[in-house]
Amino acid sequence: MERILFEGSSPEEFIAKLCLKFNEIISNIVDNRIQEPEKLLTREETAKFLKVSLPTLNNWTKAGVLTPRYLGRRVYYKKSEIINNLKND
């Protein structure tokens, strides 16, 4: 294991610099996640993700469990909403 020596700074200065670097890394991660586009799933992908049949998916949509998004005549579901619905149940 390699050792790193820090000379010329107090432990408090070292901790402050380390905290700044951690905050920088965390904000970069958060910024990258915010920039990711929303993942839309087709009916088939949603049913496979939830491990249910298409008729069950249709029933859940009619019951208001899932909120569909329409692009033309195609139906999509937001993956983040599906995950949130799973967490809330």
PDB file of N, CA and C in Angstrom:
ATOM      1  N   MET A   1       0.845  -1.178   0.000  1.00  0.00           N
ATOM      2  CA  MET A   1       0.000   0.000   0.000  1.00  0.00           C
ATOM      3  C   MET A   1       0.889   1.239   0.000  1.00  0.00           C
ATOM      4  N   GLU A   2       0.536   2.194  -0.804  1.00  0.00           N
ATOM      5  CA  GLU A   2       1.333   3.413  -0.954  1.00  0.00           C
ATOM      6  C   GLU A   2       0.937   4.431   0.108  1.00  0.00           C
ATOM      7  N   ARG A   3       1.917   5.118   0.656  1.00  0.00           N
ATOM      8  CA  ARG A   3       1.665   6.156   1.650  1.00  0.00           C
ATOM      9  C   ARG A   3       1.804   7.523   1.005  1.00  0.00           C
ATOM     10  N   ILE A   4       0.924   8.408   1.421  1.00  0.00           N
ATOM     11  CA  ILE A   4       0.984   9.785   0.953  1.00  0.00           C
ATOM     12  C   ILE A   4       1.220  10.677   2.165  1.00  0.00           C
ATOM     13  N   LEU A   5       2.239  11.503   2.106  1.00  0.00           N
ATOM     14  CA  LEU A   5       2.556  12.413   3.198  1.00  0.00           C
ATOM     15  C   LEU A   5       2.144  13.833   2.825  1.00  0.00           C
ATOM     16  N   PHE A   6       1.498  14.494   3.753  1.00  0.00           N
ATOM     17  CA  PHE A   6       1.107  15.882   3.549  1.00  0.00           C
ATOM     18  C   PHE A   6       1.914  16.743   4.515  1.00  0.00           C
ATOM     19  N   GLU A   7       2.752  17.527   3.947  1.00  0.00           N
ATOM     20  CA  GLU A   7       3.585  18.394   4.780  1.00  0.00           C
ATOM     21  C   GLU A   7       3.207  19.840   4.506  1.00  0.00           C
ATOM     22  N   GLY A   8       3.335  20.639   5.521  1.00  0.00           N
ATOM     23  CA  GLY A   8       3.116  22.070   5.349  1.00  0.00           C
ATOM     24  C   GLY A   8       1.681  22.489   5.542  1.00  0.00           C
ATOM     25  N   SER A   9       0.816  21.589   5.986  1.00  0.00           N
ATOM     26  CA  SER A   9      -0.555  21.993   6.264  1.00  0.00           C
ATOM     27  C   SER A   9      -1.018  21.303   7.541  1.00  0.00           C
ATOM     28  N   SER A  10      -1.887  21.996   8.236  1.00  0.00           N
ATOM     29  CA  SER A  10      -2.412  21.440   9.487  1.00  0.00           C
ATOM     30  C   SER A  10      -3.496  20.410   9.166  1.00  0.00           C
ATOM     31  N   PRO A  11      -3.833  19.576  10.127  1.00  0.00           N
ATOM     32  CA  PRO A  11      -4.907  18.610   9.889  1.00  0.00           C
ATOM     33  C   PRO A  11      -6.228  19.278   9.521  1.00  0.00           C
ATOM     34  N   GLU A  12      -6.504  20.442  10.106  1.00  0.00           N
ATOM     35  CA  GLU A  12      -7.744  21.157   9.796  1.00  0.00           C
ATOM     36  C   GLU A  12      -7.766  21.630   8.344  1.00  0.00           C
ATOM     37  N   GLU A  13      -6.608  22.129   7.870  1.00  0.00           N
ATOM     38  CA  GLU A  13      -6.514  22.559   6.471  1.00  0.00           C
ATOM     39  C   GLU A  13      -6.688  21.372   5.533  1.00  0.00           C
ATOM     40  N   PHE A  14      -6.077  20.250   5.899  1.00  0.00           N
ATOM     41  CA  PHE A  14      -6.208  19.050   5.086  1.00  0.00           C
ATOM     42  C   PHE A  14      -7.665  18.591   5.005  1.00  0.00           C
ATOM     43  N   ILE A  15      -8.351  18.568   6.137  1.00  0.00           N
ATOM     44  CA  ILE A  15      -9.760  18.160   6.165  1.00  0.00           C
ATOM     45  C   ILE A  15     -10.613  19.113   5.357  1.00  0.00           C
ATOM     46  N   ALA A  16     -10.342  20.413   5.460  1.00  0.00           N
ATOM     47  CA  ALA A  16     -11.106  21.398   4.690  1.00  0.00           C
ATOM     48  C   ALA A  16     -10.913  21.190   3.194  1.00  0.00           C
ATOM     49  N   LYS A  17      -9.664  20.931   2.758  1.00  0.00           N
ATOM     50  CA  LYS A  17      -9.392  20.690   1.334  1.00  0.00           C
ATOM     51  C   LYS A  17     -10.049  19.393   0.872  1.00  0.00           C
ATOM     52  N   LEU A  18     -10.015  18.386   1.729  1.00  0.00           N
ATOM     53  CA  LEU A  18     -10.631  17.109   1.396  1.00  0.00           C
ATOM     54  C   LEU A  18     -12.144  17.257   1.248  1.00  0.00           C
ATOM     55  N   CYS A  19     -12.755  18.003   2.143  1.00  0.00           N
ATOM     56  CA  CYS A  19     -14.207  18.240   2.065  1.00  0.00           C
ATOM     57  C   CYS A  19     -14.577  18.990   0.788  1.00  0.00           C
ATOM     58  N   LEU A  20     -13.780  19.982   0.418  1.00  0.00           N
ATOM     59  CA  LEU A  20     -14.041  20.720  -0.818  1.00  0.00           C
ATOM     60  C   LEU A  20     -13.983  19.788  -2.031  1.00  0.00           C
ATOM     61  N   LYS A  21     -12.998  18.899  -2.040  1.00  0.00           N
ATOM     62  CA  LYS A  21     -12.860  17.971  -3.158  1.00  0.00           C
ATOM     63  C   LYS A  21     -14.035  17.002  -3.208  1.00  0.00           C
ATOM     64  N   PHE A  22     -14.463  16.483  -2.051  1.00  0.00           N
ATOM     65  CA  PHE A  22     -15.622  15.598  -2.013  1.00  0.00           C
ATOM     66  C   PHE A  22     -16.871  16.311  -2.512  1.00  0.00           C
ATOM     67  N   ASN A  23     -17.070  17.556  -2.078  1.00  0.00           N
ATOM     68  CA  ASN A  23     -18.229  18.327  -2.541  1.00  0.00           C
ATOM     69  C   ASN A  23     -18.194  18.531  -4.053  1.00  0.00           C
ATOM     70  N   GLU A  24     -17.009  18.773  -4.599  1.00  0.00           N
ATOM     71  CA  GLU A  24     -16.860  18.934  -6.040  1.00  0.00           C
ATOM     72  C   GLU A  24     -17.229  17.647  -6.775  1.00  0.00           C
ATOM     73  N   ILE A  25     -16.759  16.531  -6.278  1.00  0.00           N
ATOM     74  CA  ILE A  25     -17.055  15.235  -6.902  1.00  0.00           C
ATOM     75  C   ILE A  25     -18.546  14.933  -6.830  1.00  0.00           C
ATOM     76  N   ILE A  26     -19.151  15.165  -5.685  1.00  0.00           N
ATOM     77  CA  ILE A  26     -20.584  14.891  -5.512  1.00  0.00           C
ATOM     78  C   ILE A  26     -21.416  15.789  -6.404  1.00  0.00           C
ATOM     79  N   SER A  27     -21.073  17.071  -6.503  1.00  0.00           N
ATOM     80  CA  SER A  27     -21.867  17.957  -7.369  1.00  0.00           C
ATOM     81  C   SER A  27     -21.709  17.584  -8.838  1.00  0.00           C
ATOM     82  N   ASN A  28     -20.541  17.080  -9.236  1.00  0.00           N
ATOM     83  CA  ASN A  28     -20.388  16.600 -10.612  1.00  0.00           C
ATOM     84  C   ASN A  28     -21.287  15.398 -10.881  1.00  0.00           C
ATOM     85  N   ILE A  29     -21.372  14.492  -9.918  1.00  0.00           N
ATOM     86  CA  ILE A  29     -22.232  13.321 -10.070  1.00  0.00           C
ATOM     87  C   ILE A  29     -23.687  13.745 -10.178  1.00  0.00           C
ATOM     88  N   VAL A  30     -24.113  14.674  -9.314  1.00  0.00           N
ATOM     89  CA  VAL A  30     -25.497  15.155  -9.332  1.00  0.00           C
ATOM     90  C   VAL A  30     -25.790  15.862 -10.647  1.00  0.00           C
ATOM     91  N   ASP A  31     -24.878  16.697 -11.122  1.00  0.00           N
ATOM     92  CA  ASP A  31     -25.079  17.400 -12.382  1.00  0.00           C
ATOM     93  C   ASP A  31     -25.224  16.425 -13.545  1.00  0.00           C
ATOM     94  N   ASN A  32     -24.430  15.369 -13.562  1.00  0.00           N
ATOM     95  CA  ASN A  32     -24.522  14.374 -14.631  1.00  0.00           C
ATOM     96  C   ASN A  32     -25.851  13.647 -14.590  1.00  0.00           C
ATOM     97  N   ARG A  33     -26.355  13.351 -13.404  1.00  0.00           N
ATOM     98  CA  ARG A  33     -27.646  12.663 -13.302  1.00  0.00           C
ATOM     99  C   ARG A  33     -28.788  13.568 -13.745  1.00  0.00           C
ATOM    100  N   ILE A  34     -28.686  14.847 -13.447  1.00  0.00           N
ATOM    101  CA  ILE A  34     -29.735  15.781 -13.850  1.00  0.00           C
ATOM    102  C   ILE A  34     -29.778  15.890 -15.371  1.00  0.00           C
ATOM    103  N   GLN A  35     -28.642  15.810 -16.024  1.00  0.00           N
ATOM    104  CA  GLN A  35     -28.585  15.970 -17.461  1.00  0.00           C
ATOM    105  C   GLN A  35     -29.029  14.724 -18.229  1.00  0.00           C
ATOM    106  N   GLU A  36     -29.137  13.574 -17.534  1.00  0.00           N
ATOM    107  CA  GLU A  36     -29.575  12.362 -18.213  1.00  0.00           C
ATOM    108  C   GLU A  36     -31.019  12.525 -18.652  1.00  0.00           C
ATOM    109  N   PRO A  37     -31.326  12.167 -19.885  1.00  0.00           N
ATOM    110  CA  PRO A  37     -32.714  12.285 -20.338  1.00  0.00           C
ATOM    111  C   PRO A  37     -33.602  11.264 -19.642  1.00  0.00           C
ATOM    112  N   GLU A  38     -34.872  11.596 -19.522  1.00  0.00           N
ATOM    113  CA  GLU A  38     -35.844  10.703 -18.912  1.00  0.00           C
ATOM    114  C   GLU A  38     -36.007   9.462 -19.777  1.00  0.00           C
ATOM    115  N   LYS A  39     -35.952   8.308 -19.166  1.00  0.00           N
ATOM    116  CA  LYS A  39     -36.065   7.045 -19.887  1.00  0.00           C
ATOM    117  C   LYS A  39     -37.543   6.700 -20.020  1.00  0.00           C
ATOM    118  N   LEU A  40     -38.002   6.586 -21.276  1.00  0.00           N
ATOM    119  CA  LEU A  40     -39.373   6.175 -21.551  1.00  0.00           C
ATOM    120  C   LEU A  40     -39.371   4.718 -21.978  1.00  0.00           C
ATOM    121  N   LEU A  41     -40.297   3.959 -21.402  1.00  0.00           N
ATOM    122  CA  LEU A  41     -40.419   2.547 -21.739  1.00  0.00           C
ATOM    123  C   LEU A  41     -41.692   2.306 -22.526  1.00  0.00           C
ATOM    124  N   THR A  42     -41.628   1.414 -23.504  1.00  0.00           N
ATOM    125  CA  THR A  42     -42.827   1.020 -24.245  1.00  0.00           C
ATOM    126  C   THR A  42     -43.685   0.145 -23.329  1.00  0.00           C
ATOM    127  N   ARG A  43     -44.882  -0.191 -23.792  1.00  0.00           N
ATOM    128  CA  ARG A  43     -45.746  -1.065 -23.003  1.00  0.00           C
ATOM    129  C   ARG A  43     -45.073  -2.404 -22.759  1.00  0.00           C
ATOM    130  N   GLU A  44     -44.452  -2.942 -23.789  1.00  0.00           N
ATOM    131  CA  GLU A  44     -43.793  -4.239 -23.666  1.00  0.00           C
ATOM    132  C   GLU A  44     -42.614  -4.179 -22.696  1.00  0.00           C
ATOM    133  N   GLU A  45     -41.806  -3.119 -22.804  1.00  0.00           N
ATOM    134  CA  GLU A  45     -40.668  -2.956 -21.903  1.00  0.00           C
ATOM    135  C   GLU A  45     -41.131  -2.775 -20.458  1.00  0.00           C
ATOM    136  N   THR A  46     -42.226  -2.017 -20.286  1.00  0.00           N
ATOM    137  CA  THR A  46     -42.765  -1.783 -18.950  1.00  0.00           C
ATOM    138  C   THR A  46     -43.280  -3.083 -18.346  1.00  0.00           C
ATOM    139  N   ALA A  47     -44.009  -3.856 -19.135  1.00  0.00           N
ATOM    140  CA  ALA A  47     -44.531  -5.131 -18.647  1.00  0.00           C
ATOM    141  C   ALA A  47     -43.386  -6.070 -18.278  1.00  0.00           C
ATOM    142  N   LYS A  48     -42.351  -6.098 -19.088  1.00  0.00           N
ATOM    143  CA  LYS A  48     -41.196  -6.948 -18.803  1.00  0.00           C
ATOM    144  C   LYS A  48     -40.479  -6.458 -17.546  1.00  0.00           C
ATOM    145  N   PHE A  49     -40.323  -5.135 -17.404  1.00  0.00           N
ATOM    146  CA  PHE A  49     -39.666  -4.552 -16.239  1.00  0.00           C
ATOM    147  C   PHE A  49     -40.421  -4.892 -14.953  1.00  0.00           C
ATOM    148  N   LEU A  50     -41.754  -4.822 -15.013  1.00  0.00           N
ATOM    149  CA  LEU A  50     -42.583  -5.107 -13.847  1.00  0.00           C
ATOM    150  C   LEU A  50     -42.894  -6.597 -13.691  1.00  0.00           C
ATOM    151  N   LYS A  51     -42.539  -7.377 -14.706  1.00  0.00           N
ATOM    152  CA  LYS A  51     -42.795  -8.827 -14.719  1.00  0.00           C
ATOM    153  C   LYS A  51     -44.285  -9.125 -14.597  1.00  0.00           C
ATOM    154  N   VAL A  52     -45.057  -8.420 -15.420  1.00  0.00           N
ATOM    155  CA  VAL A  52     -46.502  -8.641 -15.501  1.00  0.00           C
ATOM    156  C   VAL A  52     -46.887  -8.787 -16.966  1.00  0.00           C
ATOM    157  N   SER A  53     -48.112  -9.225 -17.192  1.00  0.00           N
ATOM    158  CA  SER A  53     -48.595  -9.369 -18.567  1.00  0.00           C
ATOM    159  C   SER A  53     -49.115  -8.026 -19.083  1.00  0.00           C
ATOM    160  N   LEU A  54     -49.300  -7.934 -20.387  1.00  0.00           N
ATOM    161  CA  LEU A  54     -49.838  -6.696 -20.974  1.00  0.00           C
ATOM    162  C   LEU A  54     -51.260  -6.404 -20.494  1.00  0.00           C
ATOM    163  N   PRO A  55     -52.144  -7.425 -20.361  1.00  0.00           N
ATOM    164  CA  PRO A  55     -53.471  -7.118 -19.796  1.00  0.00           C
ATOM    165  C   PRO A  55     -53.407  -6.560 -18.371  1.00  0.00           C
ATOM    166  N   THR A  56     -52.483  -7.061 -17.563  1.00  0.00           N
ATOM    167  CA  THR A  56     -52.317  -6.531 -16.199  1.00  0.00           C
ATOM    168  C   THR A  56     -51.836  -5.089 -16.255  1.00  0.00           C
ATOM    169  N   LEU A  57     -50.896  -4.813 -17.140  1.00  0.00           N
ATOM    170  CA  LEU A  57     -50.414  -3.440 -17.321  1.00  0.00           C
ATOM    171  C   LEU A  57     -51.561  -2.520 -17.733  1.00  0.00           C
ATOM    172  N   ASN A  58     -52.406  -2.996 -18.623  1.00  0.00           N
ATOM    173  CA  ASN A  58     -53.563  -2.223 -19.065  1.00  0.00           C
ATOM    174  C   ASN A  58     -54.516  -1.959 -17.892  1.00  0.00           C
ATOM    175  N   ASN A  59     -54.740  -2.976 -17.063  1.00  0.00           N
ATOM    176  CA  ASN A  59     -55.617  -2.800 -15.897  1.00  0.00           C
ATOM    177  C   ASN A  59     -55.029  -1.783 -14.918  1.00  0.00           C
ATOM    178  N   TRP A  60     -53.732  -1.840 -14.687  1.00  0.00           N
ATOM    179  CA  TRP A  60     -53.091  -0.898 -13.780  1.00  0.00           C
ATOM    180  C   TRP A  60     -53.162   0.522 -14.323  1.00  0.00           C
ATOM    181  N   THR A  61     -53.073   0.653 -15.644  1.00  0.00           N
ATOM    182  CA  THR A  61     -53.175   1.977 -16.261  1.00  0.00           C
ATOM    183  C   THR A  61     -54.586   2.527 -16.079  1.00  0.00           C
ATOM    184  N   LYS A  62     -55.589   1.684 -16.337  1.00  0.00           N
ATOM    185  CA  LYS A  62     -56.987   2.119 -16.176  1.00  0.00           C
ATOM    186  C   LYS A  62     -57.307   2.467 -14.723  1.00  0.00           C
ATOM    187  N   ALA A  63     -56.674   1.745 -13.782  1.00  0.00           N
ATOM    188  CA  ALA A  63     -56.919   1.984 -12.357  1.00  0.00           C
ATOM    189  C   ALA A  63     -56.154   3.197 -11.833  1.00  0.00           C
ATOM    190  N   GLY A  64     -55.267   3.760 -12.643  1.00  0.00           N
ATOM    191  CA  GLY A  64     -54.512   4.935 -12.238  1.00  0.00           C
ATOM    192  C   GLY A  64     -53.227   4.620 -11.483  1.00  0.00           C
ATOM    193  N   VAL A  65     -52.839   3.363 -11.442  1.00  0.00           N
ATOM    194  CA  VAL A  65     -51.597   2.981 -10.776  1.00  0.00           C
ATOM    195  C   VAL A  65     -50.406   3.507 -11.558  1.00  0.00           C
ATOM    196  N   LEU A  66     -50.493   3.449 -12.880  1.00  0.00           N
ATOM    197  CA  LEU A  66     -49.444   3.951 -13.771  1.00  0.00           C
ATOM    198  C   LEU A  66     -50.016   5.045 -14.656  1.00  0.00           C
ATOM    199  N   THR A  67     -49.185   6.032 -14.958  1.00  0.00           N
ATOM    200  CA  THR A  67     -49.608   7.130 -15.819  1.00  0.00           C
ATOM    201  C   THR A  67     -48.938   6.992 -17.175  1.00  0.00           C
ATOM    202  N   PRO A  68     -49.740   6.797 -18.225  1.00  0.00           N
ATOM    203  CA  PRO A  68     -49.142   6.656 -19.547  1.00  0.00           C
ATOM    204  C   PRO A  68     -48.792   8.006 -20.161  1.00  0.00           C
ATOM    205  N   ARG A  69     -47.851   7.991 -21.066  1.00  0.00           N
ATOM    206  CA  ARG A  69     -47.479   9.156 -21.872  1.00  0.00           C
ATOM    207  C   ARG A  69     -47.722   8.761 -23.323  1.00  0.00           C
ATOM    208  N   TYR A  70     -48.302   9.654 -24.082  1.00  0.00           N
ATOM    209  CA  TYR A  70     -48.619   9.342 -25.474  1.00  0.00           C
ATOM    210  C   TYR A  70     -47.759  10.173 -26.412  1.00  0.00           C
ATOM    211  N   LEU A  71     -47.152   9.511 -27.360  1.00  0.00           N
ATOM    212  CA  LEU A  71     -46.440  10.157 -28.457  1.00  0.00           C
ATOM    213  C   LEU A  71     -47.082   9.635 -29.735  1.00  0.00           C
ATOM    214  N   GLY A  72     -47.960  10.447 -30.290  1.00  0.00           N
ATOM    215  CA  GLY A  72     -48.751   9.959 -31.416  1.00  0.00           C
ATOM    216  C   GLY A  72     -49.724   8.907 -30.907  1.00  0.00           C
ATOM    217  N   ARG A  73     -49.681   7.744 -31.516  1.00  0.00           N
ATOM    218  CA  ARG A  73     -50.552   6.651 -31.081  1.00  0.00           C
ATOM    219  C   ARG A  73     -49.818   5.659 -30.177  1.00  0.00           C
ATOM    220  N   ARG A  74     -48.569   5.950 -29.887  1.00  0.00           N
ATOM    221  CA  ARG A  74     -47.774   5.041 -29.065  1.00  0.00           C
ATOM    222  C   ARG A  74     -47.877   5.407 -27.587  1.00  0.00           C
ATOM    223  N   VAL A  75     -47.817   4.386 -26.755  1.00  0.00           N
ATOM    224  CA  VAL A  75     -47.927   4.571 -25.309  1.00  0.00           C
ATOM    225  C   VAL A  75     -46.581   4.280 -24.664  1.00  0.00           C
ATOM    226  N   TYR A  76     -46.161   5.185 -23.785  1.00  0.00           N
ATOM    227  CA  TYR A  76     -44.906   5.026 -23.054  1.00  0.00           C
ATOM    228  C   TYR A  76     -45.154   5.298 -21.577  1.00  0.00           C
ATOM    229  N   TYR A  77     -44.237   4.805 -20.753  1.00  0.00           N
ATOM    230  CA  TYR A  77     -44.279   5.047 -19.321  1.00  0.00           C
ATOM    231  C   TYR A  77     -42.909   5.542 -18.884  1.00  0.00           C
ATOM    232  N   LYS A  78     -42.886   6.515 -17.972  1.00  0.00           N
ATOM    233  CA  LYS A  78     -41.623   7.023 -17.456  1.00  0.00           C
ATOM    234  C   LYS A  78     -41.079   6.028 -16.442  1.00  0.00           C
ATOM    235  N   LYS A  79     -39.828   5.629 -16.643  1.00  0.00           N
ATOM    236  CA  LYS A  79     -39.213   4.648 -15.753  1.00  0.00           C
ATOM    237  C   LYS A  79     -39.128   5.175 -14.326  1.00  0.00           C
ATOM    238  N   SER A  80     -38.822   6.464 -14.162  1.00  0.00           N
ATOM    239  CA  SER A  80     -38.713   7.039 -12.821  1.00  0.00           C
ATOM    240  C   SER A  80     -40.056   6.986 -12.089  1.00  0.00           C
ATOM    241  N   GLU A  81     -41.168   7.205 -12.805  1.00  0.00           N
ATOM    242  CA  GLU A  81     -42.495   7.138 -12.183  1.00  0.00           C
ATOM    243  C   GLU A  81     -42.831   5.712 -11.781  1.00  0.00           C
ATOM    244  N   ILE A  82     -42.439   4.751 -12.609  1.00  0.00           N
ATOM    245  CA  ILE A  82     -42.680   3.347 -12.278  1.00  0.00           C
ATOM    246  C   ILE A  82     -41.944   2.990 -10.992  1.00  0.00           C
ATOM    247  N   ILE A  83     -40.688   3.393 -10.898  1.00  0.00           N
ATOM    248  CA  ILE A  83     -39.883   3.096  -9.713  1.00  0.00           C
ATOM    249  C   ILE A  83     -40.474   3.785  -8.484  1.00  0.00           C
ATOM    250  N   ASN A  84     -40.899   5.044  -8.638  1.00  0.00           N
ATOM    251  CA  ASN A  84     -41.517   5.757  -7.509  1.00  0.00           C
ATOM    252  C   ASN A  84     -42.795   5.077  -7.063  1.00  0.00           C
ATOM    253  N   ASN A  85     -43.613   4.593  -8.015  1.00  0.00           N
ATOM    254  CA  ASN A  85     -44.842   3.889  -7.663  1.00  0.00           C
ATOM    255  C   ASN A  85     -44.540   2.597  -6.911  1.00  0.00           C
ATOM    256  N   LEU A  86     -43.475   1.911  -7.297  1.00  0.00           N
ATOM    257  CA  LEU A  86     -43.081   0.678  -6.603  1.00  0.00           C
ATOM    258  C   LEU A  86     -42.650   0.980  -5.175  1.00  0.00           C
ATOM    259  N   LYS A  87     -41.922   2.094  -4.984  1.00  0.00           N
ATOM    260  CA  LYS A  87     -41.441   2.462  -3.651  1.00  0.00           C
ATOM    261  C   LYS A  87     -42.594   2.857  -2.739  1.00  0.00           C
ATOM    262  N   ASN A  88     -43.623   3.494  -3.309  1.00  0.00           N
ATOM    263  CA  ASN A  88     -44.738   3.993  -2.503  1.00  0.00           C
ATOM    264  C   ASN A  88     -45.699   2.897  -2.085  1.00  0.00           C
ATOM    265  N   ASP A  89     -45.675   1.776  -2.777  1.00  0.00           N
ATOM    266  CA  ASP A  89     -46.610   0.684  -2.427  1.00  0.00           C
ATOM    267  C   ASP A  89     -46.109  -0.179  -1.329  1.00  0.00           C
TER     268      ASP A  89
END
